[in-house]
C-alpha atoms as a PDB file:
ATOM      1  CA  MET A   1      46.200  86.562 138.147  1.00  0.00           C
ATOM      2  CA  ARG A   2      46.867  88.191 134.756  1.00  0.00           C
ATOM      3  CA  THR A   3      44.540  90.454 132.816  1.00  0.00           C
ATOM      4  CA  THR A   4      44.182  92.068 129.423  1.00  0.00           C
ATOM      5  CA  LEU A   5      42.180  95.271 129.086  1.00  0.00           C
ATOM      6  CA  SER A   6      43.172  97.836 131.663  1.00  0.00           C
ATOM      7  CA  PHE A   7      39.860  97.737 133.543  1.00  0.00           C
ATOM      8  CA  LEU A   8      40.586  94.084 134.184  1.00  0.00           C
ATOM      9  CA  LEU A   9      44.284  94.750 134.686  1.00  0.00           C
ATOM     10  CA  VAL A  10      43.430  96.803 137.758  1.00  0.00           C
ATOM     11  CA  LEU A  11      41.043  94.108 139.016  1.00  0.00           C
ATOM     12  CA  GLY A  12      43.846  91.590 138.633  1.00  0.00           C
ATOM     13  CA  ALA A  13      46.180  93.819 140.614  1.00  0.00           C
ATOM     14  CA  LEU A  14      43.543  94.103 143.312  1.00  0.00           C
ATOM     15  CA  GLY A  15      43.525  90.322 143.583  1.00  0.00           C
ATOM     16  CA  MET A  16      39.963  90.630 144.954  1.00  0.00           C
ATOM     17  CA  PRO A  17      39.763  91.335 147.747  1.00  0.00           C
ATOM     18  CA  ASP A  18      43.458  91.802 148.552  1.00  0.00           C
ATOM     19  CA  ALA A  19      44.689  95.077 147.017  1.00  0.00           C
ATOM     20  CA  ALA A  20      44.406  98.575 145.381  1.00  0.00           C
ATOM     21  CA  ALA A  21      43.445 102.367 145.519  1.00  0.00           C
ATOM     22  CA  GLN A  22      42.398 105.722 144.275  1.00  0.00           C
ATOM     23  CA  ASP A  23      44.642 108.738 144.695  1.00  0.00           C
ATOM     24  CA  PRO A  24      43.568 112.042 143.121  1.00  0.00           C
ATOM     25  CA  SER A  25      47.197 112.923 142.429  1.00  0.00           C
ATOM     26  CA  VAL A  26      47.973 109.908 140.267  1.00  0.00           C
ATOM     27  CA  GLY A  27      49.250 111.028 136.866  1.00  0.00           C
ATOM     28  CA  GLU A  28      49.969 114.556 138.140  1.00  0.00           C
ATOM     29  CA  GLY A  29      53.634 115.405 137.918  1.00  0.00           C
ATOM     30  CA  LEU A  30      54.447 112.241 135.993  1.00  0.00           C
ATOM     31  CA  PRO A  31      57.662 112.533 133.972  1.00  0.00           C
ATOM     32  CA  GLU A  32      56.868 113.183 130.349  1.00  0.00           C
ATOM     33  CA  ALA A  33      58.873 111.712 127.491  1.00  0.00           C
ATOM     34  CA  SER A  34      59.071 113.849 124.401  1.00  0.00           C
ATOM     35  CA  SER A  35      57.685 112.367 121.221  1.00  0.00           C
ATOM     36  CA  THR A  36      59.858 112.334 118.121  1.00  0.00           C
ATOM     37  CA  LEU A  37      56.895 111.539 115.874  1.00  0.00           C
ATOM     38  CA  GLU A  38      54.838 114.128 114.021  1.00  0.00           C
ATOM     39  CA  THR A  39      51.454 114.664 115.673  1.00  0.00           C
ATOM     40  CA  GLU A  40      48.077 114.971 114.032  1.00  0.00           C
ATOM     41  CA  ALA A  41      44.887 115.262 116.043  1.00  0.00           C
ATOM     42  CA  SER A  42      42.290 112.632 115.247  1.00  0.00           C
ATOM     43  CA  PRO A  43      38.859 114.191 114.667  1.00  0.00           C
ATOM     44  CA  ALA A  44      37.238 111.013 116.032  1.00  0.00           C
ATOM     45  CA  LEU A  45      38.832 111.475 119.480  1.00  0.00           C
ATOM     46  CA  ALA A  46      36.579 113.480 121.813  1.00  0.00           C
ATOM     47  CA  PRO A  47      36.369 113.947 125.604  1.00  0.00           C
ATOM     48  CA  PHE A  48      34.002 111.665 127.508  1.00  0.00           C
ATOM     49  CA  GLU A  49      33.268 110.183 130.910  1.00  0.00           C
ATOM     50  CA  ALA A  50      31.791 106.675 131.191  1.00  0.00           C
ATOM     51  CA  ARG A  51      30.551 104.867 134.292  1.00  0.00           C
ATOM     52  CA  TYR A  52      30.453 101.055 134.655  1.00  0.00           C
ATOM     53  CA  GLU A  53      28.985  98.571 137.092  1.00  0.00           C
ATOM     54  CA  VAL A  54      31.518  95.864 138.018  1.00  0.00           C
ATOM     55  CA  LEU A  55      30.104  92.374 138.648  1.00  0.00           C
ATOM     56  CA  ALA A  56      31.611  89.024 139.644  1.00  0.00           C
ATOM     57  CA  GLY A  57      29.471  85.908 139.835  1.00  0.00           C
ATOM     58  CA  GLY A  58      26.394  88.091 139.506  1.00  0.00           C
ATOM     59  CA  LYS A  59      27.358  90.119 142.601  1.00  0.00           C
ATOM     60  CA  ALA A  60      28.124  93.837 142.492  1.00  0.00           C
ATOM     61  CA  LEU A  61      31.758  94.588 143.356  1.00  0.00           C
ATOM     62  CA  GLY A  62      31.540  98.336 142.801  1.00  0.00           C
ATOM     63  CA  GLU A  63      31.902 100.900 140.030  1.00  0.00           C
ATOM     64  CA  ALA A  64      34.487 101.940 137.463  1.00  0.00           C
ATOM     65  CA  THR A  65      34.809 105.276 135.672  1.00  0.00           C
ATOM     66  CA  LEU A  66      36.757 105.860 132.465  1.00  0.00           C
ATOM     67  CA  GLN A  67      37.439 109.460 131.430  1.00  0.00           C
ATOM     68  CA  LEU A  68      39.234 110.972 128.444  1.00  0.00           C
ATOM     69  CA  THR A  69      40.467 114.554 128.902  1.00  0.00           C
ATOM     70  CA  PRO A  70      42.303 116.859 126.443  1.00  0.00           C
ATOM     71  CA  LEU A  71      45.479 118.504 127.784  1.00  0.00           C
ATOM     72  CA  SER A  72      46.541 120.350 124.616  1.00  0.00           C
ATOM     73  CA  PRO A  73      45.662 120.145 120.891  1.00  0.00           C
ATOM     74  CA  HIS A  74      47.489 116.815 120.486  1.00  0.00           C
ATOM     75  CA  ARG A  75      47.924 115.606 124.041  1.00  0.00           C
ATOM     76  CA  TRP A  76      45.345 113.675 126.083  1.00  0.00           C
ATOM     77  CA  ARG A  77      44.961 111.876 129.363  1.00  0.00           C
ATOM     78  CA  VAL A  78      42.837 108.770 129.944  1.00  0.00           C
ATOM     79  CA  ASP A  79      41.941 107.930 133.561  1.00  0.00           C
ATOM     80  CA  LEU A  80      40.420 104.842 135.126  1.00  0.00           C
ATOM     81  CA  ASP A  81      38.969 104.915 138.649  1.00  0.00           C
ATOM     82  CA  MET A  82      37.637 101.844 140.427  1.00  0.00           C
ATOM     83  CA  GLY A  83      35.892 101.653 143.797  1.00  0.00           C
ATOM     84  CA  GLY A  84      32.594 102.940 145.143  1.00  0.00           C
ATOM     85  CA  ARG A  85      29.933 100.654 146.544  1.00  0.00           C
ATOM     86  CA  GLY A  86      29.604  96.888 146.936  1.00  0.00           C
ATOM     87  CA  LEU A  87      32.519  94.674 147.948  1.00  0.00           C
ATOM     88  CA  PHE A  88      35.023  97.349 146.927  1.00  0.00           C
ATOM     89  CA  ARG A  89      33.704  99.601 149.687  1.00  0.00           C
ATOM     90  CA  LEU A  90      33.518  96.797 152.257  1.00  0.00           C
ATOM     91  CA  ALA A  91      37.141  95.887 151.604  1.00  0.00           C
ATOM     92  CA  GLY A  92      38.267  99.525 151.560  1.00  0.00           C
ATOM     93  CA  ILE A  93      39.502  99.071 147.990  1.00  0.00           C
ATOM     94  CA  ASN A  94      40.128 101.812 145.461  1.00  0.00           C
ATOM     95  CA  ALA A  95      42.352 101.987 142.393  1.00  0.00           C
ATOM     96  CA  GLU A  96      43.333 104.565 139.824  1.00  0.00           C
ATOM     97  CA  GLN A  97      45.308 104.301 136.610  1.00  0.00           C
ATOM     98  CA  SER A  98      46.125 106.974 134.042  1.00  0.00           C
ATOM     99  CA  THR A  99      48.033 107.330 130.776  1.00  0.00           C
ATOM    100  CA  VAL A 100      49.132 110.601 129.182  1.00  0.00           C
ATOM    101  CA  PHE A 101      49.485 110.230 125.414  1.00  0.00           C
ATOM    102  CA  GLU A 102      49.669 112.001 122.074  1.00  0.00           C
ATOM    103  CA  ASP A 103      47.199 111.472 119.262  1.00  0.00           C
ATOM    104  CA  THR A 104      49.557 111.158 116.281  1.00  0.00           C
ATOM    105  CA  ALA A 105      49.237 110.501 112.559  1.00  0.00           C
ATOM    106  CA  SER A 106      50.401 106.915 113.175  1.00  0.00           C
ATOM    107  CA  GLY A 107      48.278 106.214 116.257  1.00  0.00           C
ATOM    108  CA  PHE A 108      48.167 106.755 120.024  1.00  0.00           C
ATOM    109  CA  LEU A 109      51.624 107.424 121.478  1.00  0.00           C
ATOM    110  CA  PRO A 110      51.909 106.776 125.254  1.00  0.00           C
ATOM    111  CA  LEU A 111      54.159 109.203 127.148  1.00  0.00           C
ATOM    112  CA  SER A 112      53.656 108.491 130.846  1.00  0.00           C
ATOM    113  CA  GLN A 113      51.607 106.319 133.139  1.00  0.00           C
ATOM    114  CA  GLY A 114      50.651 106.148 136.808  1.00  0.00           C
ATOM    115  CA  THR A 115      48.906 103.486 138.859  1.00  0.00           C
ATOM    116  CA  VAL A 116      47.854 103.640 142.520  1.00  0.00           C
ATOM    117  CA  ARG A 117      46.304 100.694 144.382  1.00  0.00           C
ATOM    118  CA  LYS A 118      45.165 100.845 147.979  1.00  0.00           C
ATOM    119  CA  THR A 119      43.339  98.822 150.589  1.00  0.00           C
ATOM    120  CA  LEU A 120      42.719  99.485 154.254  1.00  0.00           C
ATOM    121  CA  PHE A 121      46.215  98.217 155.049  1.00  0.00           C
ATOM    122  CA  SER A 122      48.399  98.850 152.014  1.00  0.00           C
ATOM    123  CA  ARG A 123      49.209 101.362 149.309  1.00  0.00           C
ATOM    124  CA  LYS A 124      51.190 100.638 146.148  1.00  0.00           C
ATOM    125  CA  GLN A 125      52.139 103.054 143.387  1.00  0.00           C
ATOM    126  CA  THR A 126      54.008 102.706 140.095  1.00  0.00           C
ATOM    127  CA  THR A 127      55.099 105.289 137.543  1.00  0.00           C
ATOM    128  CA  GLY A 128      55.964 104.533 133.932  1.00  0.00           C
ATOM    129  CA  THR A 129      57.797 106.619 131.323  1.00  0.00           C
ATOM    130  CA  TYR A 130      57.701 105.934 127.578  1.00  0.00           C
ATOM    131  CA  ASP A 131      60.851 107.595 126.198  1.00  0.00           C
ATOM    132  CA  TRP A 132      60.435 107.595 122.438  1.00  0.00           C
ATOM    133  CA  ALA A 133      63.732 109.425 121.837  1.00  0.00           C
ATOM    134  CA  ARG A 134      65.535 106.425 123.344  1.00  0.00           C
ATOM    135  CA  ARG A 135      62.848 103.923 122.297  1.00  0.00           C
ATOM    136  CA  SER A 136      62.672 102.655 125.861  1.00  0.00           C
ATOM    137  CA  ALA A 137      59.962 102.365 128.557  1.00  0.00           C
ATOM    138  CA  THR A 138      60.712 102.073 132.278  1.00  0.00           C
ATOM    139  CA  TRP A 139      58.651 101.650 135.462  1.00  0.00           C
ATOM    140  CA  THR A 140      59.538 102.599 139.024  1.00  0.00           C
ATOM    141  CA  GLY A 141      57.849 102.249 142.396  1.00  0.00           C
ATOM    142  CA  ASP A 142      56.134  99.175 143.793  1.00  0.00           C
ATOM    143  CA  ILE A 143      56.975  96.801 140.982  1.00  0.00           C
ATOM    144  CA  LYS A 144      58.668  93.406 140.756  1.00  0.00           C
ATOM    145  CA  GLU A 145      62.431  93.626 140.331  1.00  0.00           C
ATOM    146  CA  SER A 146      62.184  91.640 137.100  1.00  0.00           C
ATOM    147  CA  ARG A 147      59.949  94.363 135.654  1.00  0.00           C
ATOM    148  CA  GLU A 148      62.221  97.285 136.500  1.00  0.00           C
ATOM    149  CA  ARG A 149      64.353  96.564 133.441  1.00  0.00           C
ATOM    150  CA  PRO A 150      63.748  98.883 130.451  1.00  0.00           C
ATOM    151  CA  VAL A 151      61.388  97.582 127.772  1.00  0.00           C
ATOM    152  CA  ALA A 152      62.434  98.307 124.182  1.00  0.00           C
ATOM    153  CA  LEU A 153      59.695 100.278 122.415  1.00  0.00           C
ATOM    154  CA  GLU A 154      58.432  99.559 118.917  1.00  0.00           C
ATOM    155  CA  PRO A 155      56.186 101.748 116.726  1.00  0.00           C
ATOM    156  CA  GLY A 156      52.548 101.243 117.710  1.00  0.00           C
ATOM    157  CA  ASP A 157      53.209 100.137 121.308  1.00  0.00           C
ATOM    158  CA  MET A 158      50.398 101.077 123.707  1.00  0.00           C
ATOM    159  CA  SER A 159      49.389 100.790 127.344  1.00  0.00           C
ATOM    160  CA  GLY A 160      46.303  98.775 128.286  1.00  0.00           C
ATOM    161  CA  LEU A 161      44.159 101.908 128.575  1.00  0.00           C
ATOM    162  CA  LEU A 162      45.184 103.008 125.081  1.00  0.00           C
ATOM    163  CA  ILE A 163      44.352  99.587 123.649  1.00  0.00           C
ATOM    164  CA  ASN A 164      40.843 100.135 125.041  1.00  0.00           C
ATOM    165  CA  LEU A 165      40.569 103.297 122.940  1.00  0.00           C
ATOM    166  CA  ALA A 166      42.226 101.703 119.896  1.00  0.00           C
ATOM    167  CA  VAL A 167      39.729  98.811 119.824  1.00  0.00           C
ATOM    168  CA  ILE A 168      36.869 101.340 119.758  1.00  0.00           C
ATOM    169  CA  ARG A 169      38.621 103.224 116.933  1.00  0.00           C
ATOM    170  CA  ASP A 170      39.527 100.164 114.839  1.00  0.00           C
ATOM    171  CA  ALA A 171      36.692  97.639 115.285  1.00  0.00           C
ATOM    172  CA  ARG A 172      34.983  96.631 112.022  1.00  0.00           C
ATOM    173  CA  PRO A 173      32.902  93.484 111.389  1.00  0.00           C
ATOM    174  CA  GLY A 174      35.220  90.580 110.555  1.00  0.00           C
ATOM    175  CA  ALA A 175      38.430  92.509 111.296  1.00  0.00           C
ATOM    176  CA  THR A 176      41.505  91.162 113.102  1.00  0.00           C
ATOM    177  CA  LEU A 177      43.127  93.792 115.329  1.00  0.00           C
ATOM    178  CA  ARG A 178      46.785  93.417 116.295  1.00  0.00           C
ATOM    179  CA  TYR A 179      48.457  95.497 119.004  1.00  0.00           C
ATOM    180  CA  ARG A 180      51.570  95.303 121.182  1.00  0.00           C
ATOM    181  CA  TYR A 181      50.763  95.750 124.857  1.00  0.00           C
ATOM    182  CA  VAL A 182      53.564  97.500 126.784  1.00  0.00           C
ATOM    183  CA  ASP A 183      52.477  98.096 130.372  1.00  0.00           C
ATOM    184  CA  ASN A 184      53.767  97.595 133.908  1.00  0.00           C
ATOM    185  CA  GLY A 185      57.195  96.414 132.788  1.00  0.00           C
ATOM    186  CA  ARG A 186      55.902  93.883 130.257  1.00  0.00           C
ATOM    187  CA  ALA A 187      55.550  93.653 126.483  1.00  0.00           C
ATOM    188  CA  LYS A 188      53.185  91.223 124.785  1.00  0.00           C
ATOM    189  CA  PRO A 189      51.276  90.965 121.477  1.00  0.00           C
ATOM    190  CA  HIS A 190      47.495  91.187 121.747  1.00  0.00           C
ATOM    191  CA  VAL A 191      45.246  89.965 118.943  1.00  0.00           C
ATOM    192  CA  TYR A 192      41.510  90.760 118.869  1.00  0.00           C
ATOM    193  CA  ARG A 193      39.009  89.320 116.423  1.00  0.00           C
ATOM    194  CA  VAL A 194      35.773  91.096 115.573  1.00  0.00           C
ATOM    195  CA  SER A 195      32.649  89.058 114.846  1.00  0.00           C
ATOM    196  CA  GLU A 196      31.159  89.180 111.362  1.00  0.00           C
ATOM    197  CA  GLU A 197      27.642  89.959 112.615  1.00  0.00           C
ATOM    198  CA  MET A 198      26.290  92.622 114.936  1.00  0.00           C
ATOM    199  CA  GLU A 199      24.399  91.458 118.029  1.00  0.00           C
ATOM    200  CA  GLY A 200      22.027  92.981 120.546  1.00  0.00           C
ATOM    201  CA  VAL A 201      23.544  93.782 123.933  1.00  0.00           C
ATOM    202  CA  LYS A 202      21.396  94.843 126.877  1.00  0.00           C
ATOM    203  CA  VAL A 203      23.063  96.630 129.793  1.00  0.00           C
ATOM    204  CA  GLY A 204      20.695  97.891 132.451  1.00  0.00           C
ATOM    205  CA  GLU A 205      17.798  99.630 130.757  1.00  0.00           C
ATOM    206  CA  LEU A 206      19.744 100.318 127.570  1.00  0.00           C
ATOM    207  CA  SER A 207      20.111  98.149 124.453  1.00  0.00           C
ATOM    208  CA  TYR A 208      22.855  98.430 121.848  1.00  0.00           C
ATOM    209  CA  ASN A 209      23.533  96.902 118.448  1.00  0.00           C
ATOM    210  CA  ALA A 210      27.176  96.009 118.969  1.00  0.00           C
ATOM    211  CA  MET A 211      30.215  94.207 117.583  1.00  0.00           C
ATOM    212  CA  ARG A 212      31.697  91.414 119.700  1.00  0.00           C
ATOM    213  CA  VAL A 213      35.502  91.722 119.927  1.00  0.00           C
ATOM    214  CA  THR A 214      37.397  88.782 121.435  1.00  0.00           C
ATOM    215  CA  ARG A 215      40.942  88.294 122.661  1.00  0.00           C
ATOM    216  CA  SER A 216      41.600  84.574 123.165  1.00  0.00           C
ATOM    217  CA  PRO A 217      44.389  83.054 125.289  1.00  0.00           C
ATOM    218  CA  ASP A 218      47.810  83.176 123.644  1.00  0.00           C
ATOM    219  CA  PRO A 219      48.574  79.603 122.464  1.00  0.00           C
ATOM    220  CA  GLY A 220      52.289  80.368 122.818  1.00  0.00           C
ATOM    221  CA  ASP A 221      51.955  81.222 126.515  1.00  0.00           C
ATOM    222  CA  ALA A 222      51.157  78.269 128.761  1.00  0.00           C
ATOM    223  CA  GLN A 223      50.259  80.621 131.638  1.00  0.00           C
ATOM    224  CA  ASP A 224      47.736  82.607 129.612  1.00  0.00           C
ATOM    225  CA  ASP A 225      44.281  81.136 130.254  1.00  0.00           C
ATOM    226  CA  GLU A 226      42.335  84.376 129.895  1.00  0.00           C
ATOM    227  CA  GLU A 227      39.790  85.407 127.321  1.00  0.00           C
ATOM    228  CA  THR A 228      38.464  88.967 127.114  1.00  0.00           C
ATOM    229  CA  VAL A 229      35.271  89.812 125.248  1.00  0.00           C
ATOM    230  CA  ILE A 230      34.199  93.403 124.682  1.00  0.00           C
ATOM    231  CA  TRP A 231      31.212  94.828 122.861  1.00  0.00           C
ATOM    232  CA  VAL A 232      31.607  97.955 120.742  1.00  0.00           C
ATOM    233  CA  ALA A 233      28.666 100.042 119.504  1.00  0.00           C
ATOM    234  CA  HIS A 234      28.894 102.670 116.750  1.00  0.00           C
ATOM    235  CA  GLY A 235      28.834 106.189 118.158  1.00  0.00           C
ATOM    236  CA  VAL A 236      29.693 105.098 121.715  1.00  0.00           C
ATOM    237  CA  PRO A 237      33.267 106.168 122.655  1.00  0.00           C
ATOM    238  CA  THR A 238      33.811 103.355 125.165  1.00  0.00           C
ATOM    239  CA  PRO A 239      32.956  99.611 125.351  1.00  0.00           C
ATOM    240  CA  VAL A 240      29.319  98.969 126.294  1.00  0.00           C
ATOM    241  CA  ARG A 241      30.296  95.742 128.054  1.00  0.00           C
ATOM    242  CA  MET A 242      33.503  93.875 128.922  1.00  0.00           C
ATOM    243  CA  LEU A 243      33.711  90.285 130.104  1.00  0.00           C
ATOM    244  CA  GLN A 244      36.790  88.436 131.370  1.00  0.00           C
ATOM    245  CA  ARG A 245      36.939  84.644 131.387  1.00  0.00           C
ATOM    246  CA  GLU A 246      39.568  82.486 133.048  1.00  0.00           C
ATOM    247  CA  GLY A 247      39.888  78.816 132.220  1.00  0.00           C
ATOM    248  CA  GLY A 248      36.689  79.081 130.170  1.00  0.00           C
ATOM    249  CA  GLU A 249      34.627  80.452 133.071  1.00  0.00           C
ATOM    250  CA  ASP A 250      33.255  83.975 133.507  1.00  0.00           C
ATOM    251  CA  LYS A 251      35.266  86.006 136.024  1.00  0.00           C
ATOM    252  CA  TYR A 252      34.502  89.743 135.822  1.00  0.00           C
ATOM    253  CA  ASP A 253      31.740  91.574 133.968  1.00  0.00           C
ATOM    254  CA  LEU A 254      31.773  95.345 133.408  1.00  0.00           C
ATOM    255  CA  ARG A 255      28.569  96.913 132.107  1.00  0.00           C
ATOM    256  CA  LEU A 256      28.155 100.480 130.939  1.00  0.00           C
ATOM    257  CA  VAL A 257      25.756 102.478 133.111  1.00  0.00           C
ATOM    258  CA  ASP A 258      25.984 105.816 131.309  1.00  0.00           C
ATOM    259  CA  TYR A 259      28.404 108.128 129.510  1.00  0.00           C
ATOM    260  CA  THR A 260      28.578 111.832 128.741  1.00  0.00           C
ATOM    261  CA  GLY A 261      30.733 114.162 126.673  1.00  0.00           C
ATOM    262  CA  VAL A 262      33.121 116.315 128.712  1.00  0.00           C
ATOM    263  CA  GLN A 263      33.768 119.934 127.814  1.00  0.00           C
END
């Protein structure tokens, strides 16, 4: 199972209900690659913590939390935690993913990444390093041998978690957003199209006037049958809803429960 946005990337790695985990140390002590690009803090980037309900087929799987934390004037860390109640708890499933990055004049610059996935009977961990001096990204740990090879970096490359943030930053009615996804030993172009009109989105007791942003299957990849739809509302630092479809059918649905600024 393949996924696009990093929330759904972790769900895909879980294989529901066969994988993944939360480890409070993930991201701590990750090797850091030094940036060779000039940094410039973006005034639009601000700390937050957002909580999501994760659904599949109308049934609650559990919860997901996305948090953005400043580490220094130009350096940030974005963390995703998945687990909690529902089927996640019954299966003993937890997962955590993090990316340390710099907010630069030319965009978000990933430096390091960590992913931990655990069930009752297994634990898998991977660590990624984006070395911009050598223009090369590498992953170690529990990863396929074919993905241990270095990936050549290009300007603008981002992890899945950073693409989440970039879509929020860049979405405008009618826009086409183009990114290069470099994550977990893979590199792939991602194209998102923003609807011309705003639409009402209701999640729980809250309603938002939001932009629909869609990534369709890549016509050049016969194995890519996934569509990801996210809804972006002005003033909200994280998607208000994310929906993954496979083969034209709804698969996973993440709905924002609440979010707060983090000091």
